[in-house]
Amino acid sequence: MVVSVKACPALVVALAAGTAYVATAIATFTGALRQIDIDTLRFAESMDSYPLDVVGSTLSALGGLPVTLAVAVILALAWILRDGLRGAAPLAIVLVIAIGLVTQRLVPQPGPPLEALRDFHWLALSSGDSLSVQAFPSGHVARTTFLAVLYAGRYPGTTSLAVALVIAMALSRVYIGSHWTSDVLGGLLLGATVALILMAFRSNSVATRTG
């Protein structure tokens, strides 16, 4: 099945996001974003607030590997019952995780210093952010963005909520000292790229059936 780039806006945006992901990885590898990372972390450290610590730690738990994988499986089962194998798209979260792990090997970037960490690590779910000691890209942001974009693409009425969730997750990763800004940007672009590619193929499939 061939997907026309001109006929599918989602694929055009996916290609742009994928290109931006590669560019961000290169910029991170060369240290081009280092000063931005340091400055934004310092700003986050100046916003010391226990309520924000609670919110950030809650988002850390919800965006952990066990929870996001469980959400992906539940969505896939529900959509498969409705659409057949085409509904298995959420299971591609495994691809997001795999690409993230490969990138971590290629773009070594340790996370922020431990003294900056404000995560309470509730339920120990935040430890599932990565199977590597490297920080780029943020697994929390990549998985959350992937699921949010995929869900909003299927249910457009939830777009505002999905955007708010992604923004909150992204900001929280820097605030609680788990990731640099470059890690967060990389995670956002990775999750969006994979989700948009799947949406492009789904749109093409629907158009083919109704055409």
Protein backbone atom coordinates (compact mmCIF):
# COMPACT_ATOMS: atom_id res chain seq x y z
CA MET A 1 0.00 0.00 0.00
CA VAL A 2 1.46 3.36 -1.10
CA VAL A 3 0.74 6.51 0.86
CA SER A 4 0.88 9.72 -1.15
CA VAL A 5 2.79 12.46 0.65
CA LYS A 6 0.81 15.22 -1.05
CA ALA A 7 -2.48 13.55 -0.23
CA CYS A 8 -1.72 12.92 3.44
CA PRO A 9 -0.95 15.92 5.68
CA ALA A 10 -0.16 13.58 8.61
CA LEU A 11 2.69 12.02 6.64
CA VAL A 12 4.10 15.44 5.72
CA VAL A 13 4.12 16.48 9.38
CA ALA A 14 5.59 13.10 10.35
CA LEU A 15 8.48 13.57 7.92
CA ALA A 16 9.09 17.06 9.30
CA ALA A 17 9.01 15.77 12.89
CA GLY A 18 11.32 12.88 12.04
CA THR A 19 13.80 15.25 10.39
CA ALA A 20 13.63 17.54 13.42
CA TYR A 21 14.27 14.53 15.68
CA VAL A 22 17.44 13.64 13.81
CA ALA A 23 18.54 17.29 13.86
CA THR A 24 17.91 17.51 17.62
CA ALA A 25 19.88 14.31 18.19
CA ILE A 26 22.82 15.71 16.22
CA ALA A 27 22.63 19.05 18.06
CA THR A 28 22.59 17.20 21.38
CA PHE A 29 25.52 14.99 20.37
CA THR A 30 27.62 18.00 19.35
CA GLY A 31 26.71 19.96 22.49
CA ALA A 32 24.96 22.72 20.57
CA LEU A 33 22.04 22.67 23.01
CA ARG A 34 24.11 22.38 26.17
CA GLN A 35 23.78 25.98 27.32
CA ILE A 36 20.02 25.93 26.78
CA ASP A 37 19.84 22.73 28.82
CA ILE A 38 21.81 24.27 31.69
CA ASP A 39 19.88 27.54 31.69
CA THR A 40 16.45 25.90 31.66
CA LEU A 41 17.42 23.52 34.46
CA ARG A 42 18.64 26.43 36.58
CA PHE A 43 15.34 28.23 35.97
CA ALA A 44 13.42 25.10 36.96
CA GLU A 45 15.48 24.79 40.14
CA SER A 46 14.55 28.37 41.08
CA MET A 47 10.84 27.42 41.03
CA ASP A 48 11.03 25.31 44.18
CA SER A 49 7.48 24.33 45.15
CA TYR A 50 6.24 21.29 47.05
CA PRO A 51 2.86 21.24 45.21
CA LEU A 52 4.75 21.25 41.91
CA ASP A 53 6.96 18.45 43.22
CA VAL A 54 3.81 16.42 43.89
CA VAL A 55 2.39 17.12 40.43
CA GLY A 56 5.69 16.34 38.74
CA SER A 57 6.12 13.10 40.65
CA THR A 58 2.55 12.06 39.82
CA LEU A 59 3.16 12.66 36.11
CA SER A 60 6.43 10.75 36.43
CA ALA A 61 4.57 7.73 37.77
CA LEU A 62 1.82 7.95 35.15
CA GLY A 63 4.32 8.29 32.31
CA GLY A 64 6.46 5.38 33.47
CA LEU A 65 7.05 2.33 31.32
CA PRO A 66 4.59 -0.03 33.10
CA VAL A 67 1.68 2.42 32.98
CA THR A 68 2.17 3.57 29.39
CA LEU A 69 2.60 0.00 28.16
CA ALA A 70 -0.59 -1.01 29.97
CA VAL A 71 -2.49 1.90 28.41
CA ALA A 72 -1.18 0.95 24.97
CA VAL A 73 -2.30 -2.66 25.37
CA ILE A 74 -5.76 -1.66 26.62
CA LEU A 75 -6.26 0.76 23.73
CA ALA A 76 -5.05 -1.82 21.23
CA LEU A 77 -7.44 -4.48 22.53
CA ALA A 78 -10.38 -2.07 22.42
CA TRP A 79 -9.56 -0.85 18.91
CA ILE A 80 -8.84 -4.34 17.57
CA LEU A 81 -12.31 -5.46 18.68
CA ARG A 82 -13.73 -2.58 16.68
CA ASP A 83 -11.45 -2.37 13.63
CA GLY A 84 -9.58 -5.66 13.46
CA LEU A 85 -5.80 -5.65 13.16
CA ARG A 86 -5.82 -2.01 12.06
CA GLY A 87 -6.64 -1.17 15.65
CA ALA A 88 -3.32 -2.56 16.90
CA ALA A 89 -1.54 0.75 16.27
CA PRO A 90 -0.97 1.53 20.01
CA LEU A 91 1.29 -1.53 20.21
CA ALA A 92 3.78 0.41 18.10
CA ILE A 93 4.79 2.00 21.40
CA VAL A 94 7.35 -0.83 21.38
CA LEU A 95 8.87 0.81 18.29
CA VAL A 96 9.03 4.14 20.10
CA ILE A 97 10.86 2.47 22.98
CA ALA A 98 13.25 0.65 20.64
CA ILE A 99 14.15 3.78 18.66
CA GLY A 100 14.69 5.63 21.92
CA LEU A 101 17.07 2.97 23.21
CA VAL A 102 19.06 2.94 19.97
CA THR A 103 19.30 6.73 20.04
CA GLN A 104 20.54 6.62 23.63
CA ARG A 105 23.41 4.42 22.48
CA LEU A 106 24.25 6.77 19.61
CA VAL A 107 23.78 10.04 21.50
CA PRO A 108 25.30 9.58 24.96
CA GLN A 109 23.99 12.24 27.31
CA PRO A 110 23.91 11.70 31.07
CA GLY A 111 20.91 13.16 32.85
CA PRO A 112 20.99 16.18 35.17
CA PRO A 113 22.96 15.89 38.43
CA LEU A 114 21.27 13.89 41.19
CA GLU A 115 21.07 16.92 43.46
CA ALA A 116 18.62 18.48 41.00
CA LEU A 117 16.23 15.52 41.21
CA ARG A 118 12.88 16.22 42.92
CA ASP A 119 11.01 13.10 41.85
CA PHE A 120 9.47 11.17 44.75
CA HIS A 121 9.58 7.98 42.64
CA TRP A 122 6.13 6.93 43.81
CA LEU A 123 5.39 3.25 43.25
CA ALA A 124 8.87 3.03 41.75
CA LEU A 125 7.25 3.49 38.32
CA SER A 126 9.52 6.34 37.31
CA SER A 127 12.45 3.92 37.27
CA GLY A 128 10.98 2.49 34.08
CA ASP A 129 11.75 5.64 32.13
CA SER A 130 14.67 4.01 30.42
CA LEU A 131 16.69 0.85 30.33
CA SER A 132 19.79 2.98 29.86
CA VAL A 133 21.70 5.49 31.99
CA GLN A 134 21.57 7.92 29.07
CA ALA A 135 18.89 10.61 28.98
CA PHE A 136 18.26 11.47 25.31
CA PRO A 137 15.43 11.17 24.40
CA SER A 138 13.02 11.26 27.34
CA GLY A 139 11.11 7.98 27.39
CA HIS A 140 8.27 9.49 29.43
CA VAL A 141 7.69 12.26 26.89
CA ALA A 142 8.12 9.98 23.87
CA ARG A 143 5.58 7.41 25.08
CA THR A 144 3.09 10.00 26.34
CA THR A 145 3.28 11.98 23.10
CA PHE A 146 2.86 8.84 21.01
CA LEU A 147 -0.28 7.76 22.87
CA ALA A 148 -1.71 11.27 23.07
CA VAL A 149 -1.27 12.00 19.35
CA LEU A 150 -2.64 8.61 18.36
CA TYR A 151 -5.68 9.01 20.63
CA ALA A 152 -6.37 12.59 19.54
CA GLY A 153 -6.08 11.54 15.91
CA ARG A 154 -8.82 8.98 16.44
CA TYR A 155 -10.96 11.18 18.69
CA PRO A 156 -10.41 14.83 17.58
CA GLY A 157 -12.57 16.11 20.41
CA THR A 158 -9.80 15.16 22.85
CA THR A 159 -7.08 17.18 21.09
CA SER A 160 -6.95 19.97 23.67
CA LEU A 161 -6.68 17.48 26.52
CA ALA A 162 -3.97 15.53 24.68
CA VAL A 163 -1.94 18.69 24.04
CA ALA A 164 -2.28 19.75 27.69
CA LEU A 165 -1.08 16.31 28.85
CA VAL A 166 1.96 16.36 26.59
CA ILE A 167 2.92 19.89 27.65
CA ALA A 168 2.50 19.01 31.33
CA MET A 169 4.61 15.87 30.96
CA ALA A 170 7.31 17.73 29.05
CA LEU A 171 7.57 20.59 31.55
CA SER A 172 7.50 18.22 34.52
CA ARG A 173 10.49 16.21 33.31
CA VAL A 174 12.70 19.30 33.40
CA TYR A 175 11.13 20.70 36.59
CA ILE A 176 11.74 17.58 38.66
CA GLY A 177 15.29 17.32 37.33
CA SER A 178 14.93 14.02 35.48
CA HIS A 179 15.81 15.34 32.02
CA TRP A 180 17.37 18.17 30.10
CA THR A 181 15.29 20.29 27.74
CA SER A 182 16.96 18.63 24.73
CA ASP A 183 15.86 15.21 26.05
CA VAL A 184 12.28 16.43 26.32
CA LEU A 185 12.31 17.90 22.80
CA GLY A 186 13.72 14.66 21.42
CA GLY A 187 11.04 12.59 23.17
CA LEU A 188 8.27 14.83 21.87
CA LEU A 189 9.51 14.59 18.28
CA LEU A 190 10.05 10.83 18.46
CA GLY A 191 6.61 10.06 19.83
CA ALA A 192 4.90 12.40 17.39
CA THR A 193 6.77 11.00 14.39
CA VAL A 194 5.77 7.38 15.00
CA ALA A 195 2.16 8.28 15.83
CA LEU A 196 1.74 10.49 12.77
CA ILE A 197 3.14 7.82 10.45
CA LEU A 198 0.57 5.34 11.78
CA MET A 199 -2.19 7.93 11.38
CA ALA A 200 -1.12 8.52 7.79
CA PHE A 201 -1.39 4.84 6.93
CA ARG A 202 -4.74 4.57 8.72
CA SER A 203 -6.12 7.56 6.80
CA ASN A 204 -4.91 6.08 3.53
CA SER A 205 -6.53 2.74 4.43
CA VAL A 206 -9.86 4.41 5.21
CA ALA A 207 -9.73 6.42 2.00
CA THR A 208 -8.97 3.28 -0.01
CA ARG A 209 -11.96 1.42 1.46
CA THR A 210 -14.37 4.29 0.90
CA GLY A 211 -13.00 5.36 -2.46
